[in-house]
Amino acid sequence: MPTDGYWRLWLERPELALVDESCEGERALHAALVESPLRAVNAVELDAIEDADVRANFRLFLGFRDTVQAAGSLEAAYAGFFRDGAIQMPPLFLDLMVQAIVCHLLSGDDDAWHWRAAELLFRRQRVSVQDGRVLCGDSAVLDMMSQTGGLGDMGRLLMQGGAALPTVQMDVLGPDNAARYRQSQAGEGRFNFLLDLTHEVQNELPHGLTLTMNRADSGLKALARVLERWVGHFLGASVQIQPESRVEDPSWRWHLGLDAESSPLLNDLYLGHEVAPERLQRLISLFRLRFDDPQQMRADLQGKPVYLGLSMTADGLLKLKPQNLLLNLPLARTV
């Protein structure tokens, strides 16, 4: 449920926070909203803001605030934005809503991998392969580090002056630094850890046996646990999600992409179309989703698994779309 404190956080964001150049009209409206975040704002107050971009930012914020308040909760507003098909809200607004919702879902969970995997639901990632490991890091943080060498504004000035800065390395989340990751969540370094999305290694042995080398602290498994909670929270459906390296299922009936890249890729694989190797290599993982209660599925699909895909773009970016799980699962009408 949004509180006054929640809306005050929005007023502290760089899009709405005061700067030295803020005019008197902007300062007056900002102060009034900090004092009473739910107050009505009239056209005269908005028109008193001289900067057109700032004025537009306040209009967007106020429209968003009023929509969420009318819906009654962040979840109800979030689901409502997708109900009519045409999304009018800026992507940033949706990401910040998802961030608040997943923090609520993980409240009381001390597993660092769950928290780091949850970042994929609201923060764009950059994916790379290093020494056979598939690693993802926050794209905004990685871009900033490449521009500043991790030295902030000073590093940017040095690079503009032609200085060579050392390459900055981000830590891969592991048992030795999990506590440090949890401590960083309240500070500026909260998105500074890489997550290992490498699959488990399976070796086929004689006599039809398979040896599975389990990966400790798997980012894919952590992501699956977060997605299970996401589905259960919104849809009231208990599901089990398992990472898969491939699909060998002659009764494959339903699939959905967790991002814009995966949806058309899975469609082509399902239809038996030829897929270029470089495009297939962008597929980070598949997942098998099963409903604990098949009665919650569409009658013609009860008991069948749902396959999920997670892919990166050609330039290594990953933007997960958690709303796809709310819109495209084959649910019975009673759910």
Protein backbone atom coordinates (compact mmCIF):
# COMPACT_ATOMS: atom_id res chain seq x y z
CA MET A 1 0.00 0.00 0.00
CA PRO A 2 1.56 3.34 -0.98
CA THR A 3 2.21 5.66 1.96
CA ASP A 4 3.15 9.32 2.15
CA GLY A 5 6.72 8.21 2.71
CA TYR A 6 6.64 6.20 -0.51
CA TRP A 7 5.60 9.23 -2.55
CA ARG A 8 8.21 11.40 -0.84
CA LEU A 9 10.85 8.99 -2.17
CA TRP A 10 9.67 9.81 -5.69
CA LEU A 11 10.09 13.50 -4.97
CA GLU A 12 13.74 12.81 -4.10
CA ARG A 13 14.46 11.22 -7.48
CA PRO A 14 16.64 13.28 -9.88
CA GLU A 15 13.67 13.79 -12.21
CA LEU A 16 11.79 15.73 -9.49
CA ALA A 17 14.39 16.80 -6.92
CA LEU A 18 15.23 20.49 -6.67
CA VAL A 19 18.44 21.83 -8.22
CA ASP A 20 20.13 25.23 -8.06
CA GLU A 21 18.33 26.29 -11.25
CA SER A 22 14.84 25.44 -9.93
CA CYS A 23 12.42 28.34 -10.29
CA GLU A 24 10.18 29.66 -7.53
CA GLY A 25 7.13 27.88 -8.92
CA GLU A 26 8.93 24.53 -8.90
CA ARG A 27 10.25 25.10 -5.38
CA ALA A 28 6.80 26.01 -4.09
CA LEU A 29 5.10 22.95 -5.61
CA HIS A 30 7.88 20.60 -4.50
CA ALA A 31 7.70 21.89 -0.91
CA ALA A 32 3.92 21.59 -0.88
CA LEU A 33 4.06 17.97 -2.08
CA VAL A 34 6.76 17.03 0.42
CA GLU A 35 4.51 18.42 3.15
CA SER A 36 1.39 16.68 1.80
CA PRO A 37 2.23 14.13 -0.94
CA LEU A 38 -1.42 13.36 -1.74
CA ARG A 39 -2.60 16.95 -2.10
CA ALA A 40 -4.42 17.97 -5.28
CA VAL A 41 -2.39 20.10 -7.68
CA ASN A 42 -4.12 22.58 -9.96
CA ALA A 43 -3.12 23.78 -13.43
CA VAL A 44 -1.97 27.16 -12.11
CA GLU A 45 0.65 25.52 -9.88
CA LEU A 46 1.96 23.42 -12.75
CA ASP A 47 2.02 26.32 -15.18
CA ALA A 48 4.11 28.29 -12.69
CA ILE A 49 7.03 25.91 -13.38
CA GLU A 50 9.19 27.60 -16.01
CA ASP A 51 11.11 24.55 -17.29
CA ALA A 52 8.89 22.60 -19.69
CA ASP A 53 10.67 19.28 -19.01
CA VAL A 54 10.28 19.65 -15.25
CA ARG A 55 6.64 20.60 -15.74
CA ALA A 56 6.12 17.43 -17.82
CA ASN A 57 7.84 15.32 -15.15
CA PHE A 58 5.49 16.61 -12.47
CA ARG A 59 2.45 15.94 -14.66
CA LEU A 60 3.59 12.36 -15.26
CA PHE A 61 4.27 11.81 -11.57
CA LEU A 62 0.93 13.23 -10.46
CA GLY A 63 -0.99 11.15 -13.01
CA PHE A 64 0.85 8.04 -11.87
CA ARG A 65 0.30 8.84 -8.18
CA ASP A 66 -3.43 9.34 -8.69
CA THR A 67 -3.76 6.11 -10.69
CA VAL A 68 -1.98 4.05 -8.03
CA GLN A 69 -3.99 5.62 -5.22
CA ALA A 70 -7.25 4.91 -7.07
CA ALA A 71 -6.23 1.28 -7.61
CA GLY A 72 -5.55 0.83 -3.90
CA SER A 73 -2.20 -0.97 -4.10
CA LEU A 74 0.92 -1.17 -6.23
CA GLU A 75 -0.03 -4.67 -7.40
CA ALA A 76 -3.52 -3.65 -8.48
CA ALA A 77 -2.19 -0.62 -10.35
CA TYR A 78 0.60 -2.64 -12.00
CA ALA A 79 -1.79 -5.32 -13.24
CA GLY A 80 -4.20 -2.63 -14.41
CA PHE A 81 -1.58 -0.98 -16.60
CA PHE A 82 -1.41 -4.13 -18.74
CA ARG A 83 -5.09 -5.04 -18.72
CA ASP A 84 -6.04 -2.88 -21.69
CA GLY A 85 -2.99 -3.76 -23.76
CA ALA A 86 -1.69 -0.23 -24.47
CA ILE A 87 0.86 0.80 -21.84
CA GLN A 88 1.05 4.57 -21.35
CA MET A 89 3.29 4.62 -18.28
CA PRO A 90 7.04 5.28 -18.67
CA PRO A 91 9.09 2.07 -18.27
CA LEU A 92 10.91 3.63 -15.30
CA PHE A 93 7.62 3.87 -13.39
CA LEU A 94 6.91 0.18 -13.98
CA ASP A 95 10.42 -0.86 -12.93
CA LEU A 96 10.18 1.10 -9.69
CA MET A 97 6.83 -0.52 -8.93
CA VAL A 98 8.28 -3.99 -9.54
CA GLN A 99 11.24 -3.14 -7.31
CA ALA A 100 8.93 -2.26 -4.43
CA ILE A 101 6.78 -5.37 -4.99
CA VAL A 102 9.69 -7.85 -5.10
CA CYS A 103 11.24 -6.26 -2.01
CA HIS A 104 7.92 -6.97 -0.31
CA LEU A 105 7.95 -10.56 -1.59
CA LEU A 106 11.47 -11.16 -0.29
CA SER A 107 10.93 -9.50 3.07
CA GLY A 108 12.52 -11.72 5.71
CA ASP A 109 14.51 -13.74 3.12
CA ASP A 110 18.25 -13.62 3.88
CA ASP A 111 19.31 -15.49 0.72
CA ALA A 112 21.60 -13.10 -1.17
CA TRP A 113 21.11 -15.00 -4.45
CA HIS A 114 17.35 -14.51 -4.28
CA TRP A 115 17.81 -10.77 -3.81
CA ARG A 116 20.41 -10.49 -6.59
CA ALA A 117 18.27 -12.56 -8.98
CA ALA A 118 15.27 -10.36 -8.17
CA GLU A 119 17.17 -7.39 -9.59
CA LEU A 120 16.64 -8.92 -13.04
CA LEU A 121 12.92 -8.15 -12.73
CA PHE A 122 13.48 -4.38 -12.60
CA ARG A 123 17.07 -3.61 -13.67
CA ARG A 124 18.49 -4.14 -17.15
CA GLN A 125 21.48 -6.46 -17.20
CA ARG A 126 24.52 -6.85 -19.42
CA VAL A 127 25.48 -10.49 -20.07
CA SER A 128 28.94 -11.83 -20.94
CA VAL A 129 30.69 -15.19 -21.07
CA GLN A 130 33.92 -15.36 -19.07
CA ASP A 131 35.94 -18.56 -18.76
CA GLY A 132 32.89 -20.61 -19.67
CA ARG A 133 30.66 -18.87 -17.14
CA VAL A 134 27.58 -16.85 -18.10
CA LEU A 135 27.66 -13.73 -15.95
CA CYS A 136 25.26 -10.81 -15.79
CA GLY A 137 25.80 -7.41 -14.24
CA ASP A 138 23.73 -4.28 -13.89
CA SER A 139 24.04 -2.48 -17.23
CA ALA A 140 23.80 1.03 -15.74
CA VAL A 141 26.59 0.28 -13.26
CA LEU A 142 28.80 -1.36 -15.90
CA ASP A 143 28.28 1.55 -18.30
CA MET A 144 29.13 4.03 -15.55
CA MET A 145 32.28 2.11 -14.64
CA SER A 146 33.41 1.99 -18.26
CA GLN A 147 32.99 5.78 -18.44
CA THR A 148 34.62 6.64 -15.12
CA GLY A 149 36.84 3.71 -14.18
CA GLY A 150 34.82 3.47 -10.98
CA LEU A 151 36.09 6.88 -9.85
CA GLY A 152 32.87 8.85 -10.40
CA ASP A 153 33.08 12.39 -11.73
CA MET A 154 36.83 12.50 -11.14
CA GLY A 155 37.32 9.44 -13.32
CA ARG A 156 35.15 10.95 -16.05
CA LEU A 157 37.29 14.10 -16.03
CA LEU A 158 40.49 12.07 -16.17
CA MET A 159 39.23 10.05 -19.12
CA GLN A 160 38.14 13.23 -20.91
CA GLY A 161 41.67 14.46 -20.41
CA GLY A 162 43.07 11.36 -22.05
CA ALA A 163 44.19 9.54 -18.92
CA ALA A 164 44.14 5.74 -18.99
CA LEU A 165 42.23 4.32 -16.04
CA PRO A 166 42.57 0.76 -14.71
CA THR A 167 39.91 -1.76 -15.65
CA VAL A 168 37.33 -2.09 -12.89
CA GLN A 169 36.32 -5.61 -11.92
CA MET A 170 32.94 -6.42 -10.37
CA ASP A 171 32.72 -9.31 -7.91
CA VAL A 172 30.70 -12.38 -8.77
CA LEU A 173 28.24 -13.09 -5.96
CA GLY A 174 29.56 -16.04 -3.96
CA PRO A 175 29.72 -17.47 -0.44
CA ASP A 176 32.73 -15.29 0.41
CA ASN A 177 30.99 -12.00 -0.36
CA ALA A 178 27.28 -12.74 0.14
CA ALA A 179 27.25 -10.88 3.46
CA ARG A 180 28.88 -7.87 1.83
CA TYR A 181 26.23 -7.90 -0.89
CA ARG A 182 23.46 -7.85 1.70
CA GLN A 183 25.14 -4.94 3.49
CA SER A 184 25.48 -3.03 0.22
CA GLN A 185 21.74 -3.09 -0.45
CA ALA A 186 21.24 0.01 1.65
CA GLY A 187 24.04 1.94 -0.08
CA GLU A 188 25.28 3.07 -3.45
CA GLY A 189 26.99 -0.24 -4.20
CA ARG A 190 23.82 -2.32 -4.11
CA PHE A 191 23.91 -3.18 -7.83
CA ASN A 192 27.65 -3.82 -8.04
CA PHE A 193 27.67 -7.64 -8.03
CA LEU A 194 27.65 -10.05 -10.94
CA LEU A 195 25.29 -13.03 -10.94
CA ASP A 196 26.33 -16.41 -12.35
CA LEU A 197 23.69 -17.70 -14.78
CA THR A 198 25.69 -20.75 -15.91
CA HIS A 199 23.77 -23.99 -16.34
CA GLU A 200 24.49 -27.17 -14.45
CA VAL A 201 26.81 -29.51 -16.32
CA GLN A 202 25.34 -32.87 -17.32
CA ASN A 203 27.42 -35.79 -18.60
CA GLU A 204 25.78 -38.78 -20.24
CA LEU A 205 27.15 -42.04 -18.83
CA PRO A 206 26.78 -45.64 -20.08
CA HIS A 207 23.60 -47.61 -19.37
CA GLY A 208 21.43 -44.51 -19.78
CA LEU A 209 22.71 -42.78 -16.65
CA THR A 210 23.23 -39.05 -16.38
CA LEU A 211 25.73 -37.41 -14.04
CA THR A 212 24.71 -33.89 -13.04
CA MET A 213 27.37 -31.54 -11.67
CA ASN A 214 25.24 -29.29 -9.48
CA ARG A 215 26.26 -25.65 -9.43
CA ALA A 216 26.26 -24.29 -5.92
CA ASP A 217 24.57 -20.92 -5.58
CA SER A 218 23.00 -21.03 -9.05
CA GLY A 219 21.68 -17.71 -10.27
CA LEU A 220 19.21 -19.52 -12.53
CA LYS A 221 17.74 -21.46 -9.62
CA ALA A 222 17.52 -18.29 -7.54
CA LEU A 223 15.69 -16.56 -10.39
CA ALA A 224 13.29 -19.51 -10.61
CA ARG A 225 12.48 -19.20 -6.90
CA VAL A 226 11.76 -15.47 -7.29
CA LEU A 227 9.51 -16.07 -10.31
CA GLU A 228 7.59 -18.72 -8.36
CA ARG A 229 6.82 -16.17 -5.67
CA TRP A 230 5.89 -13.56 -8.29
CA VAL A 231 3.31 -15.89 -9.87
CA GLY A 232 1.93 -16.99 -6.52
CA HIS A 233 1.62 -13.43 -5.24
CA PHE A 234 -0.27 -12.08 -8.24
CA LEU A 235 -2.21 -15.10 -9.46
CA GLY A 236 -2.65 -17.21 -6.32
CA ALA A 237 -1.23 -20.18 -8.21
CA SER A 238 1.50 -22.35 -6.71
CA VAL A 239 4.04 -23.30 -9.41
CA GLN A 240 7.42 -25.02 -9.57
CA ILE A 241 10.00 -23.60 -11.98
CA GLN A 242 13.14 -25.49 -12.97
CA PRO A 243 15.98 -24.29 -15.25
CA GLU A 244 16.47 -26.47 -18.33
CA SER A 245 19.30 -26.48 -20.86
CA ARG A 246 17.07 -27.87 -23.63
CA VAL A 247 13.54 -29.05 -24.34
CA GLU A 248 12.99 -32.62 -25.48
CA ASP A 249 9.25 -32.88 -25.13
CA PRO A 250 7.11 -34.25 -27.97
CA SER A 251 4.02 -32.93 -26.17
CA TRP A 252 5.33 -29.35 -25.98
CA ARG A 253 2.13 -27.30 -25.98
CA TRP A 254 2.72 -23.90 -24.35
CA HIS A 255 5.60 -21.47 -23.97
CA LEU A 256 6.27 -17.82 -23.25
CA GLY A 257 9.29 -15.55 -23.35
CA LEU A 258 10.48 -13.73 -20.27
CA ASP A 259 11.83 -10.95 -22.50
CA ALA A 260 11.25 -9.50 -25.96
CA GLU A 261 13.95 -11.67 -27.57
CA SER A 262 12.74 -15.03 -26.24
CA SER A 263 9.13 -14.85 -27.37
CA PRO A 264 9.81 -14.94 -31.15
CA LEU A 265 12.71 -17.34 -30.65
CA LEU A 266 10.53 -19.88 -28.82
CA ASN A 267 7.83 -19.44 -31.46
CA ASP A 268 10.31 -20.37 -34.19
CA LEU A 269 11.64 -23.36 -32.25
CA TYR A 270 8.10 -24.56 -31.54
CA LEU A 271 7.13 -24.31 -35.21
CA GLY A 272 10.30 -26.08 -36.30
CA HIS A 273 11.72 -23.09 -38.16
CA GLU A 274 15.45 -22.94 -38.75
CA VAL A 275 17.15 -20.66 -36.24
CA ALA A 276 20.53 -19.10 -36.97
CA PRO A 277 23.25 -20.34 -34.56
CA GLU A 278 24.19 -16.82 -33.45
CA ARG A 279 20.57 -16.14 -32.53
CA LEU A 280 20.27 -19.42 -30.66
CA GLN A 281 23.40 -18.58 -28.69
CA ARG A 282 21.58 -15.59 -27.20
CA LEU A 283 19.29 -17.98 -25.32
CA ILE A 284 20.59 -17.86 -21.75
CA SER A 285 18.26 -20.51 -20.36
CA LEU A 286 14.99 -22.34 -20.69
CA PHE A 287 12.74 -23.07 -17.73
CA ARG A 288 10.06 -25.69 -17.13
CA LEU A 289 7.06 -24.41 -15.16
CA ARG A 290 4.52 -26.79 -13.60
CA PHE A 291 1.37 -26.00 -11.66
CA ASP A 292 1.04 -27.77 -8.33
CA ASP A 293 -2.70 -27.93 -9.01
CA PRO A 294 -3.36 -28.74 -12.69
CA GLN A 295 -6.96 -27.62 -12.18
CA GLN A 296 -5.66 -24.05 -12.21
CA MET A 297 -4.67 -24.49 -15.86
CA ARG A 298 -6.80 -24.33 -18.96
CA ALA A 299 -8.66 -27.61 -19.36
CA ASP A 300 -6.92 -28.59 -22.62
CA LEU A 301 -3.47 -28.03 -21.07
CA GLN A 302 -3.89 -29.49 -17.59
CA GLY A 303 -0.78 -31.33 -16.44
CA LYS A 304 1.34 -30.06 -19.32
CA PRO A 305 4.50 -28.07 -18.57
CA VAL A 306 4.89 -24.46 -19.62
CA TYR A 307 8.30 -23.61 -21.08
CA LEU A 308 9.90 -20.23 -20.43
CA GLY A 309 12.79 -18.63 -22.28
CA LEU A 310 15.36 -16.06 -21.16
CA SER A 311 17.51 -14.38 -23.83
CA MET A 312 19.82 -11.47 -24.35
CA THR A 313 19.96 -9.12 -27.30
CA ALA A 314 22.66 -9.22 -29.96
CA ASP A 315 24.66 -6.68 -27.95
CA GLY A 316 24.41 -8.66 -24.72
CA LEU A 317 21.58 -6.85 -22.94
CA LEU A 318 18.86 -8.57 -20.93
CA LYS A 319 15.61 -6.88 -19.88
CA LEU A 320 13.29 -9.33 -18.18
CA LYS A 321 9.55 -8.57 -18.48
CA PRO A 322 7.88 -10.05 -15.38
CA GLN A 323 4.46 -8.99 -16.64
CA ASN A 324 4.68 -11.75 -19.26
CA LEU A 325 4.09 -14.31 -16.51
CA LEU A 326 0.90 -12.50 -15.52
CA LEU A 327 -0.43 -12.11 -19.04
CA ASN A 328 0.50 -15.30 -20.88
CA LEU A 329 0.16 -18.28 -18.54
CA PRO A 330 -2.61 -20.72 -19.61
CA LEU A 331 -4.81 -20.13 -16.59
CA ALA A 332 -8.27 -21.51 -15.97
CA ARG A 333 -10.95 -18.85 -15.74
CA THR A 334 -11.42 -19.56 -12.05
CA VAL A 335 -7.88 -18.40 -11.16
